[in-house]
Amino acid sequence: MLHRVFRGRPVLRRVSFVVGYEALSVLFTVFVLSALLGHHGGESIFLAVLLSTVATGWNYIWNTIFEAIERRTAVKGRGAAARAVHAVGYEGGVLVFTIPLVAFMLGVSLIEAVMIEGGLLVFFLAFTVIYTWIFDRVFGLPDSAR
């Protein structure tokens, strides 16, 4: 039943995907910044929301690009290789935008920001693959992958 919710509605599917993904991402990021790195209160919440806003824009753009490429290939479905390419492309793009932002907002060097983002990256690479797989199982593959 849920598989039909997004059929023929790629924009609704992408927006729903991003909203769920980023809501969970903000929660995880606030936890990491406050509990593990000691950046408490409003600072960690503001940065998490800012990072999420940047990631949301990139997420929508990346999924649009990925699905356009997917439509042009003969391969249907999303195997492990496609999911890995999707996750690495998304996370790589996010890093380009967020490393300077983390350095500025936390008042750390770019090297320290790379280390912070590197830690988040390890988590979010796995999170992206798992979240995308669950989303696809619950709501079905996008039209581009069928």
C-alpha atoms as a PDB file:
ATOM      1  CA  MET A   1       0.000   0.000   0.000  1.00  0.00           C
ATOM      2  CA  LEU A   2       2.709   2.507   0.925  1.00  0.00           C
ATOM      3  CA  HIS A   3       4.555   1.557  -2.254  1.00  0.00           C
ATOM      4  CA  ARG A   4       1.955   3.512  -4.237  1.00  0.00           C
ATOM      5  CA  VAL A   5       2.170   6.721  -2.212  1.00  0.00           C
ATOM      6  CA  PHE A   6       4.969   8.220  -4.324  1.00  0.00           C
ATOM      7  CA  ARG A   7       4.394   6.478  -7.655  1.00  0.00           C
ATOM      8  CA  GLY A   8       4.576   9.150 -10.361  1.00  0.00           C
ATOM      9  CA  ARG A   9       5.369  11.852  -7.781  1.00  0.00           C
ATOM     10  CA  PRO A  10       9.164  12.123  -7.581  1.00  0.00           C
ATOM     11  CA  VAL A  11       9.144  15.582  -5.967  1.00  0.00           C
ATOM     12  CA  LEU A  12       6.875  14.422  -3.128  1.00  0.00           C
ATOM     13  CA  ARG A  13       9.089  11.353  -2.678  1.00  0.00           C
ATOM     14  CA  ARG A  14      12.277  13.436  -2.511  1.00  0.00           C
ATOM     15  CA  VAL A  15      10.797  15.967  -0.096  1.00  0.00           C
ATOM     16  CA  SER A  16       9.482  13.210   2.189  1.00  0.00           C
ATOM     17  CA  PHE A  17      12.832  11.425   2.061  1.00  0.00           C
ATOM     18  CA  VAL A  18      14.748  14.582   2.956  1.00  0.00           C
ATOM     19  CA  VAL A  19      12.422  15.640   5.787  1.00  0.00           C
ATOM     20  CA  GLY A  20      12.711  12.266   7.516  1.00  0.00           C
ATOM     21  CA  TYR A  21      16.436  11.997   6.894  1.00  0.00           C
ATOM     22  CA  GLU A  22      17.271  15.468   8.158  1.00  0.00           C
ATOM     23  CA  ALA A  23      15.008  15.266  11.217  1.00  0.00           C
ATOM     24  CA  LEU A  24      16.914  12.185  12.363  1.00  0.00           C
ATOM     25  CA  SER A  25      20.217  13.793  11.339  1.00  0.00           C
ATOM     26  CA  VAL A  26      19.599  16.835  13.545  1.00  0.00           C
ATOM     27  CA  LEU A  27      18.903  14.587  16.537  1.00  0.00           C
ATOM     28  CA  PHE A  28      22.074  12.557  15.970  1.00  0.00           C
ATOM     29  CA  THR A  29      24.217  15.643  15.323  1.00  0.00           C
ATOM     30  CA  VAL A  30      23.019  17.438  18.471  1.00  0.00           C
ATOM     31  CA  PHE A  31      23.828  14.299  20.460  1.00  0.00           C
ATOM     32  CA  VAL A  32      27.335  14.069  18.979  1.00  0.00           C
ATOM     33  CA  LEU A  33      28.107  17.774  19.383  1.00  0.00           C
ATOM     34  CA  SER A  34      26.831  17.983  22.944  1.00  0.00           C
ATOM     35  CA  ALA A  35      27.460  14.573  24.489  1.00  0.00           C
ATOM     36  CA  LEU A  36      30.677  13.614  22.755  1.00  0.00           C
ATOM     37  CA  LEU A  37      32.344  16.924  21.850  1.00  0.00           C
ATOM     38  CA  GLY A  38      31.146  19.152  24.705  1.00  0.00           C
ATOM     39  CA  HIS A  39      29.416  21.838  22.613  1.00  0.00           C
ATOM     40  CA  HIS A  40      26.247  22.262  24.643  1.00  0.00           C
ATOM     41  CA  GLY A  41      22.931  24.018  24.410  1.00  0.00           C
ATOM     42  CA  GLY A  42      21.963  26.429  21.730  1.00  0.00           C
ATOM     43  CA  GLU A  43      25.338  26.262  19.999  1.00  0.00           C
ATOM     44  CA  SER A  44      24.978  22.583  19.117  1.00  0.00           C
ATOM     45  CA  ILE A  45      21.287  22.903  18.196  1.00  0.00           C
ATOM     46  CA  PHE A  46      21.918  25.935  15.973  1.00  0.00           C
ATOM     47  CA  LEU A  47      24.862  24.269  14.241  1.00  0.00           C
ATOM     48  CA  ALA A  48      22.921  21.025  13.778  1.00  0.00           C
ATOM     49  CA  VAL A  49      20.009  22.908  12.188  1.00  0.00           C
ATOM     50  CA  LEU A  50      22.398  24.915  10.006  1.00  0.00           C
ATOM     51  CA  LEU A  51      24.204  21.757   8.877  1.00  0.00           C
ATOM     52  CA  SER A  52      20.851  20.122   8.242  1.00  0.00           C
ATOM     53  CA  THR A  53      19.713  23.058   6.123  1.00  0.00           C
ATOM     54  CA  VAL A  54      22.851  22.819   3.988  1.00  0.00           C
ATOM     55  CA  ALA A  55      22.519  19.035   3.795  1.00  0.00           C
ATOM     56  CA  THR A  56      18.833  19.312   2.876  1.00  0.00           C
ATOM     57  CA  GLY A  57      19.590  21.476  -0.128  1.00  0.00           C
ATOM     58  CA  TRP A  58      22.373  19.161  -1.248  1.00  0.00           C
ATOM     59  CA  ASN A  59      20.243  16.072  -0.557  1.00  0.00           C
ATOM     60  CA  TYR A  60      17.514  17.273  -2.897  1.00  0.00           C
ATOM     61  CA  ILE A  61      20.017  18.246  -5.600  1.00  0.00           C
ATOM     62  CA  TRP A  62      21.993  14.985  -5.248  1.00  0.00           C
ATOM     63  CA  ASN A  63      18.890  12.779  -5.361  1.00  0.00           C
ATOM     64  CA  THR A  64      17.697  14.607  -8.477  1.00  0.00           C
ATOM     65  CA  ILE A  65      21.088  14.050 -10.152  1.00  0.00           C
ATOM     66  CA  PHE A  66      21.310  10.426  -8.998  1.00  0.00           C
ATOM     67  CA  GLU A  67      17.808   9.570 -10.228  1.00  0.00           C
ATOM     68  CA  ALA A  68      18.471  11.263 -13.586  1.00  0.00           C
ATOM     69  CA  ILE A  69      21.561   9.080 -14.034  1.00  0.00           C
ATOM     70  CA  GLU A  70      19.614   6.046 -12.830  1.00  0.00           C
ATOM     71  CA  ARG A  71      16.913   6.614 -15.478  1.00  0.00           C
ATOM     72  CA  ARG A  72      19.565   6.553 -18.219  1.00  0.00           C
ATOM     73  CA  THR A  73      21.071   3.220 -17.174  1.00  0.00           C
ATOM     74  CA  ALA A  74      19.858  -0.239 -18.058  1.00  0.00           C
ATOM     75  CA  VAL A  75      20.310  -1.430 -14.470  1.00  0.00           C
ATOM     76  CA  LYS A  76      17.079  -1.605 -12.497  1.00  0.00           C
ATOM     77  CA  GLY A  77      16.802  -1.826  -8.749  1.00  0.00           C
ATOM     78  CA  ARG A  78      19.331  -0.593  -6.226  1.00  0.00           C
ATOM     79  CA  GLY A  79      22.014  -3.060  -5.282  1.00  0.00           C
ATOM     80  CA  ALA A  80      24.854  -2.543  -2.836  1.00  0.00           C
ATOM     81  CA  ALA A  81      27.043  -0.774  -5.416  1.00  0.00           C
ATOM     82  CA  ALA A  82      24.329   1.753  -6.306  1.00  0.00           C
ATOM     83  CA  ARG A  83      23.635   2.408  -2.628  1.00  0.00           C
ATOM     84  CA  ALA A  84      27.358   2.888  -1.937  1.00  0.00           C
ATOM     85  CA  VAL A  85      27.727   5.337  -4.847  1.00  0.00           C
ATOM     86  CA  HIS A  86      24.639   7.196  -3.643  1.00  0.00           C
ATOM     87  CA  ALA A  87      25.928   7.464  -0.060  1.00  0.00           C
ATOM     88  CA  VAL A  88      29.489   8.472  -1.012  1.00  0.00           C
ATOM     89  CA  GLY A  89      28.274  11.077  -3.517  1.00  0.00           C
ATOM     90  CA  TYR A  90      25.889  12.563  -1.005  1.00  0.00           C
ATOM     91  CA  GLU A  91      28.330  12.621   1.914  1.00  0.00           C
ATOM     92  CA  GLY A  92      31.190  13.905  -0.259  1.00  0.00           C
ATOM     93  CA  GLY A  93      29.065  16.807  -1.415  1.00  0.00           C
ATOM     94  CA  VAL A  94      27.980  17.585   2.131  1.00  0.00           C
ATOM     95  CA  LEU A  95      31.608  17.760   3.303  1.00  0.00           C
ATOM     96  CA  VAL A  96      32.513  20.357   0.681  1.00  0.00           C
ATOM     97  CA  PHE A  97      29.938  22.701   2.200  1.00  0.00           C
ATOM     98  CA  THR A  98      30.065  21.818   5.888  1.00  0.00           C
ATOM     99  CA  ILE A  99      33.765  21.674   6.789  1.00  0.00           C
ATOM    100  CA  PRO A 100      34.239  25.458   6.500  1.00  0.00           C
ATOM    101  CA  LEU A 101      30.920  25.999   8.280  1.00  0.00           C
ATOM    102  CA  VAL A 102      31.894  23.781  11.234  1.00  0.00           C
ATOM    103  CA  ALA A 103      35.284  25.512  11.513  1.00  0.00           C
ATOM    104  CA  PHE A 104      33.661  28.939  11.584  1.00  0.00           C
ATOM    105  CA  MET A 105      30.761  28.096  13.910  1.00  0.00           C
ATOM    106  CA  LEU A 106      32.817  26.161  16.468  1.00  0.00           C
ATOM    107  CA  GLY A 107      35.852  28.426  16.235  1.00  0.00           C
ATOM    108  CA  VAL A 108      38.169  25.562  15.336  1.00  0.00           C
ATOM    109  CA  SER A 109      40.772  25.139  12.615  1.00  0.00           C
ATOM    110  CA  LEU A 110      39.926  23.555   9.285  1.00  0.00           C
ATOM    111  CA  ILE A 111      41.943  20.507  10.380  1.00  0.00           C
ATOM    112  CA  GLU A 112      39.837  20.161  13.534  1.00  0.00           C
ATOM    113  CA  ALA A 113      36.681  20.659  11.477  1.00  0.00           C
ATOM    114  CA  VAL A 114      37.820  17.879   9.131  1.00  0.00           C
ATOM    115  CA  MET A 115      38.279  15.590  12.149  1.00  0.00           C
ATOM    116  CA  ILE A 116      34.841  16.470  13.544  1.00  0.00           C
ATOM    117  CA  GLU A 117      33.219  16.040  10.150  1.00  0.00           C
ATOM    118  CA  GLY A 118      35.216  12.844   9.589  1.00  0.00           C
ATOM    119  CA  GLY A 119      33.691  11.347  12.711  1.00  0.00           C
ATOM    120  CA  LEU A 120      30.222  12.401  11.643  1.00  0.00           C
ATOM    121  CA  LEU A 121      30.931  11.092   8.140  1.00  0.00           C
ATOM    122  CA  VAL A 122      31.674   7.576   9.341  1.00  0.00           C
ATOM    123  CA  PHE A 123      28.353   7.511  11.139  1.00  0.00           C
ATOM    124  CA  PHE A 124      26.364   9.182   8.356  1.00  0.00           C
ATOM    125  CA  LEU A 125      27.728   6.969   5.574  1.00  0.00           C
ATOM    126  CA  ALA A 126      26.240   3.969   7.343  1.00  0.00           C
ATOM    127  CA  PHE A 127      23.140   5.940   8.326  1.00  0.00           C
ATOM    128  CA  THR A 128      22.563   7.050   4.709  1.00  0.00           C
ATOM    129  CA  VAL A 129      22.748   3.496   3.363  1.00  0.00           C
ATOM    130  CA  ILE A 130      20.468   2.130   6.100  1.00  0.00           C
ATOM    131  CA  TYR A 131      17.952   4.998   5.944  1.00  0.00           C
ATOM    132  CA  THR A 132      17.735   4.821   2.137  1.00  0.00           C
ATOM    133  CA  TRP A 133      17.299   1.040   2.213  1.00  0.00           C
ATOM    134  CA  ILE A 134      14.517   1.259   4.835  1.00  0.00           C
ATOM    135  CA  PHE A 135      12.812   4.128   2.979  1.00  0.00           C
ATOM    136  CA  ASP A 136      12.917   2.151  -0.281  1.00  0.00           C
ATOM    137  CA  ARG A 137      11.572  -0.985   1.454  1.00  0.00           C
ATOM    138  CA  VAL A 138       8.694   0.905   3.076  1.00  0.00           C
ATOM    139  CA  PHE A 139       7.763   3.189   0.175  1.00  0.00           C
ATOM    140  CA  GLY A 140       9.166   1.267  -2.796  1.00  0.00           C
ATOM    141  CA  LEU A 141      11.862   2.241  -5.249  1.00  0.00           C
ATOM    142  CA  PRO A 142      11.524   5.492  -7.174  1.00  0.00           C
ATOM    143  CA  ASP A 143      10.247   5.243 -10.733  1.00  0.00           C
ATOM    144  CA  SER A 144      13.830   5.777 -11.946  1.00  0.00           C
ATOM    145  CA  ALA A 145      14.952   2.475 -10.354  1.00  0.00           C
ATOM    146  CA  ARG A 146      12.095   0.322 -11.646  1.00  0.00           C
END
